[in-house]
Each structure stands twice: as structure tokens, then as C-alpha cells.
Amino acid sequence: MVKNLIFHVYPVKDSLWEWNCQQMSSYLPMFNGKRIISIAQDDTTVPLSRVSAYFPNSTIRKGPNQPPMGEGVAFLGNLNLVRSLDPEEMTFYAHAKGVTHSGNKLKEACVKSWASAIYKCCLTYPLAIDKILKKYDTAGCFKIDQNGEWYYAGGFWWVKNQALFSKTWMTLEKHYYGVEQYLRHVIPSDRAYNIHGIGHSLYDNLTPESEYADSLERMRKIQWEGLNA
């Protein structure tokens, strides 16, 4: 399967931006398709070169930070760069978590533990993702579903390109959470796979590894035994 990456970074000085880049760059070899690294810049951020150094052989897109939209400013343009109807192609979308909580050590610790769960559950077993997206259209962690109004809390997800780009995919709500809630306008809830569930407020509680160990084990079994393992 061809795997694309879209990763958005707002590299606020003295924030978790670098930790996020370290996490994502460690999985970079699995992305054998396009790698789109979107970097928002303003007077609070580190130089572009410090971020791009983590992502060799990638397309670097620089843009201004616009607080009302956040990552949404560059989102549709980034998606357009991986647009394809190839049934053997998929895309992973993520963004650097916790960068706006710089200085709040408790929030940073909670977000870091939450993001660790998503990176590990979504990226440790790429062959499991292949098998899941043979049956579903998208996969991610911390799925919340309220009467069909669903989303992956945190906004990290895999999506099958054909399922996304064969629909009306250019609609994005113009607010801070528009990207997080984007997929529900394109993919129905029953086509969205939940890799790991949510049991508490993510911003106010730590997410220890023991909490998602069973989910990682299930992904390991799917990788080697199939989706019904």
C-alpha cells in the first residue's frame, strides 16, 4: 500500500513541537508516498529550518499562523497534494500536539501522554492499518460518536484516498476545531474504525501506557493474523 503523510507543525518556542517532530520522524520510513510537512510561522516560532531538518525528502509548506483557523488554514491545500483515487493509497494526517500549552507543565504532561498513545497505536503496526482500511474507510484513536456526529479526538487519522477523494471533500468548517471534525462530513461513522477508545478527559488526565496496552496488542494480532484476530 502507498502511504502518504500530512503533518502540520506550529513550532512555538519552548513548546512540545520538537518532541512531536521526534515522534513523527521516527516513523518516517513507513511513508513511501508523498510526505507533506506544513509549518506555520509567526514571531513566536522557531526558524523553519529547525523543523524541516526532521523531515528529509519531504515537501515543506510554509504559511502564516492564523489563530481562528489554526491548522485549518493549510489543511485543504495539503490534502490536494495527495489527492488520488488509487484504491491502494492511504494518507495519515496529524499535527504537533500541545504547542499552545507552553509553560503549563500539567497540561503538557497530559497532552504528551495522550499524543504518545495515538502515535503508537496508529503507527506501530502499519500492516494492521492496511488490513483495517481494506474493510473501513478511516482509522484513528479516541473516536467520539454522538448520534452520528463523530470525530477522532485529537485529530490524528488514517484515511483511504479513494473513499475521501471520490466524495465532496473540499468542505471545511471555518473554526479552530474544523480539521478535527472534518472527516464526519465525508465518511459515515460506521466506516470509521476506532483503534483505541476514550475513557476520560484527555486534557486533564494522564494516559498511561497500561491504558492502551490491550489496543496495541490487538493491532499486533491484526498485523500478523488479520482483522478478526
Protein backbone atom coordinates (compact mmCIF):
# COMPACT_ATOMS: atom_id res chain seq x y z
CA MET A 1 0.00 0.00 0.00
CA VAL A 2 1.12 3.55 -0.73
CA LYS A 3 1.19 5.61 2.45
CA ASN A 4 1.21 9.42 2.38
CA LEU A 5 1.86 11.72 5.32
CA ILE A 6 0.47 15.16 6.09
CA PHE A 7 1.94 16.62 9.29
CA HIS A 8 1.19 20.15 10.46
CA VAL A 9 3.53 21.88 12.91
CA TYR A 10 3.16 25.22 14.70
CA PRO A 11 6.63 25.29 16.28
CA VAL A 12 6.15 27.66 19.21
CA LYS A 13 9.42 28.26 21.05
CA ASP A 14 9.88 26.18 24.22
CA SER A 15 6.83 24.03 23.48
CA LEU A 16 6.26 20.38 22.60
CA TRP A 17 6.79 20.97 18.86
CA GLU A 18 10.21 19.28 18.88
CA TRP A 19 9.00 16.28 20.87
CA ASN A 20 6.20 15.81 18.32
CA CYS A 21 8.66 16.03 15.43
CA GLN A 22 10.87 13.44 17.10
CA GLN A 23 7.90 11.09 17.42
CA MET A 24 6.75 11.51 13.85
CA SER A 25 10.19 11.41 12.28
CA SER A 26 10.87 8.04 13.92
CA TYR A 27 8.05 6.58 11.80
CA LEU A 28 9.01 8.39 8.60
CA PRO A 29 10.34 5.30 6.74
CA MET A 30 6.85 3.78 6.53
CA PHE A 31 5.63 6.67 4.37
CA ASN A 32 6.53 5.53 0.87
CA GLY A 33 4.29 8.05 -0.87
CA LYS A 34 4.17 11.82 -0.51
CA ARG A 35 5.33 13.48 2.70
CA ILE A 36 3.78 16.90 3.22
CA ILE A 37 5.12 18.89 6.18
CA SER A 38 3.11 22.05 6.81
CA ILE A 39 4.80 24.63 9.06
CA ALA A 40 3.02 27.69 10.46
CA GLN A 41 5.23 30.67 11.25
CA ASP A 42 4.91 33.86 13.30
CA ASP A 43 7.03 35.82 15.78
CA THR A 44 6.60 33.12 18.46
CA THR A 45 8.03 30.24 16.39
CA VAL A 46 11.45 28.74 15.80
CA PRO A 47 13.05 29.03 12.34
CA LEU A 48 11.63 26.89 9.57
CA SER A 49 14.93 25.07 9.13
CA ARG A 50 14.78 23.59 12.65
CA VAL A 51 11.52 21.83 11.80
CA SER A 52 12.34 20.80 8.25
CA ALA A 53 15.58 19.14 9.45
CA TYR A 54 13.46 16.35 10.97
CA PHE A 55 11.83 15.56 7.63
CA PRO A 56 14.28 14.87 4.79
CA ASN A 57 12.90 14.06 1.35
CA SER A 58 9.63 15.79 2.20
CA THR A 59 7.63 18.65 0.70
CA ILE A 60 7.87 21.60 3.11
CA ARG A 61 4.99 24.08 3.03
CA LYS A 62 5.36 27.33 4.95
CA GLY A 63 2.44 29.55 5.87
CA PRO A 64 1.33 32.16 8.40
CA ASN A 65 -0.27 31.23 11.69
CA GLN A 66 -3.88 32.41 11.77
CA PRO A 67 -5.36 31.69 15.23
CA PRO A 68 -9.07 31.50 14.35
CA MET A 69 -8.38 28.64 11.93
CA GLY A 70 -5.17 27.11 13.29
CA GLU A 71 -4.17 24.09 11.21
CA GLY A 72 -7.25 24.62 9.04
CA VAL A 73 -5.56 27.39 7.06
CA ALA A 74 -3.32 24.95 5.21
CA PHE A 75 -5.46 21.82 5.53
CA LEU A 76 -7.32 21.61 2.20
CA GLY A 77 -4.26 22.68 0.26
CA ASN A 78 -2.26 19.92 1.92
CA LEU A 79 -4.94 17.37 1.12
CA ASN A 80 -4.97 18.45 -2.50
CA LEU A 81 -1.30 17.49 -2.80
CA VAL A 82 -2.11 13.84 -2.00
CA ARG A 83 -5.37 13.71 -3.98
CA SER A 84 -5.77 10.36 -5.69
CA LEU A 85 -8.44 7.75 -6.41
CA ASP A 86 -5.96 4.88 -6.24
CA PRO A 87 -7.61 2.13 -4.11
CA GLU A 88 -4.15 1.10 -2.89
CA GLU A 89 -3.31 4.53 -1.46
CA MET A 90 -3.91 5.96 2.01
CA THR A 91 -2.96 9.11 3.93
CA PHE A 92 -2.12 9.75 7.57
CA TYR A 93 -2.94 13.19 8.97
CA ALA A 94 -1.56 14.54 12.24
CA HIS A 95 -0.38 17.75 13.84
CA ALA A 96 2.04 18.64 16.63
CA LYS A 97 0.04 18.44 19.86
CA GLY A 98 0.32 20.68 22.91
CA VAL A 99 2.25 23.57 21.38
CA THR A 100 -0.20 26.16 22.69
CA HIS A 101 0.19 24.92 26.27
CA SER A 102 3.81 26.03 26.56
CA GLY A 103 4.73 26.61 30.20
CA ASN A 104 1.78 24.68 31.64
CA LYS A 105 3.62 21.57 32.79
CA LEU A 106 0.49 19.66 33.85
CA LYS A 107 -1.27 20.25 30.52
CA GLU A 108 1.91 19.40 28.63
CA ALA A 109 2.27 16.12 30.52
CA CYS A 110 -1.36 15.17 29.82
CA VAL A 111 -1.16 16.06 26.14
CA LYS A 112 2.19 14.30 25.75
CA SER A 113 0.83 11.06 27.22
CA TRP A 114 -2.29 11.34 25.06
CA ALA A 115 -0.31 12.00 21.90
CA SER A 116 2.05 9.11 22.70
CA ALA A 117 -0.94 6.78 22.74
CA ILE A 118 -2.05 7.98 19.30
CA TYR A 119 1.40 7.84 17.69
CA LYS A 120 1.96 4.30 18.99
CA CYS A 121 -1.50 2.92 18.25
CA CYS A 122 -1.71 4.45 14.76
CA LEU A 123 1.86 3.93 13.58
CA THR A 124 3.47 0.92 15.27
CA TYR A 125 1.75 -1.71 13.09
CA PRO A 126 1.44 -0.43 9.50
CA LEU A 127 0.34 -3.79 8.08
CA ALA A 128 -2.57 -3.77 10.54
CA ILE A 129 -3.63 -0.41 9.12
CA ASP A 130 -3.53 -1.91 5.62
CA LYS A 131 -5.92 -4.64 6.70
CA ILE A 132 -8.25 -2.28 8.57
CA LEU A 133 -8.55 0.04 5.57
CA LYS A 134 -9.47 -2.88 3.35
CA LYS A 135 -12.70 -3.03 5.35
CA TYR A 136 -13.12 0.55 6.64
CA ASP A 137 -12.55 3.98 5.13
CA THR A 138 -10.70 5.59 8.02
CA ALA A 139 -8.99 4.64 11.28
CA GLY A 140 -7.88 6.57 14.33
CA CYS A 141 -7.92 6.77 18.12
CA PHE A 142 -10.28 8.27 20.69
CA LYS A 143 -13.35 8.19 18.48
CA ILE A 144 -16.31 10.11 19.89
CA ASP A 145 -19.72 9.45 18.34
CA GLN A 146 -22.85 11.31 19.35
CA ASN A 147 -25.77 10.37 17.13
CA GLY A 148 -23.57 10.12 14.06
CA GLU A 149 -21.76 13.39 14.78
CA TRP A 150 -18.42 11.69 15.18
CA TYR A 151 -14.75 12.63 15.25
CA TYR A 152 -11.36 11.39 16.43
CA ALA A 153 -10.47 13.46 19.50
CA GLY A 154 -7.08 14.98 18.81
CA GLY A 155 -7.45 14.87 15.05
CA PHE A 156 -4.98 12.13 14.04
CA TRP A 157 -6.29 9.68 11.44
CA TRP A 158 -5.66 7.39 8.52
CA VAL A 159 -7.97 7.66 5.52
CA LYS A 160 -8.34 5.62 2.34
CA ASN A 161 -7.71 8.05 -0.53
CA GLN A 162 -10.37 6.60 -2.79
CA ALA A 163 -13.02 6.87 -0.06
CA LEU A 164 -12.14 10.51 0.63
CA PHE A 165 -11.49 11.94 -2.81
CA SER A 166 -14.44 10.26 -4.50
CA LYS A 167 -16.70 12.39 -2.27
CA THR A 168 -17.22 16.13 -1.87
CA TRP A 169 -14.06 16.63 0.17
CA MET A 170 -13.41 20.40 -0.12
CA THR A 171 -15.76 21.44 2.71
CA LEU A 172 -14.13 22.58 5.97
CA GLU A 173 -15.84 24.31 8.87
CA LYS A 174 -14.06 27.61 9.45
CA HIS A 175 -13.28 27.41 13.15
CA TYR A 176 -10.49 26.09 15.40
CA TYR A 177 -11.89 22.55 15.52
CA GLY A 178 -12.74 22.36 11.83
CA VAL A 179 -9.98 19.87 10.99
CA GLU A 180 -10.77 17.65 13.97
CA GLN A 181 -14.39 17.41 12.81
CA TYR A 182 -13.63 17.29 9.08
CA LEU A 183 -13.97 13.57 8.37
CA ARG A 184 -17.53 13.26 9.65
CA HIS A 185 -18.70 15.37 6.71
CA VAL A 186 -17.19 12.87 4.26
CA ILE A 187 -17.07 9.47 5.96
CA PRO A 188 -20.06 7.94 7.84
CA SER A 189 -19.46 6.75 11.38
CA ASP A 190 -19.91 3.06 10.55
CA ARG A 191 -16.98 3.32 8.11
CA ALA A 192 -14.66 4.76 10.79
CA TYR A 193 -12.57 2.28 12.81
CA ASN A 194 -11.66 3.08 16.41
CA ILE A 195 -8.20 1.76 17.26
CA HIS A 196 -8.34 2.85 20.90
CA GLY A 197 -11.26 4.28 22.87
CA ILE A 198 -11.53 7.18 25.27
CA GLY A 199 -12.28 6.88 28.97
CA HIS A 200 -11.56 10.31 30.46
CA SER A 201 -10.90 13.98 29.72
CA LEU A 202 -7.70 13.92 27.68
CA TYR A 203 -6.51 17.41 28.55
CA ASP A 204 -6.89 16.95 32.31
CA ASN A 205 -5.64 13.40 32.86
CA LEU A 206 -2.59 11.33 32.04
CA THR A 207 -2.97 8.45 29.57
CA PRO A 208 -0.59 5.75 30.86
CA GLU A 209 0.71 3.03 28.55
CA SER A 210 -1.21 0.44 30.56
CA GLU A 211 -4.43 2.08 29.38
CA TYR A 212 -3.80 1.32 25.72
CA ALA A 213 -1.68 -1.84 26.03
CA ASP A 214 -4.64 -4.02 25.01
CA SER A 215 -5.22 -1.87 21.93
CA LEU A 216 -1.59 -2.20 20.89
CA GLU A 217 -1.78 -5.95 21.38
CA ARG A 218 -4.93 -6.10 19.23
CA MET A 219 -3.13 -4.16 16.49
CA ARG A 220 -0.21 -6.60 16.71
CA LYS A 221 -2.60 -9.51 16.24
CA ILE A 222 -4.33 -7.80 13.32
CA GLN A 223 -0.93 -7.23 11.68
CA TRP A 224 0.00 -10.90 11.85
CA GLU A 225 -3.33 -12.73 11.98
CA GLY A 226 -5.92 -10.50 10.31
CA LEU A 227 -8.71 -8.12 11.29
CA ASN A 228 -10.81 -10.79 13.01
CA ALA A 229 -7.96 -11.86 15.32
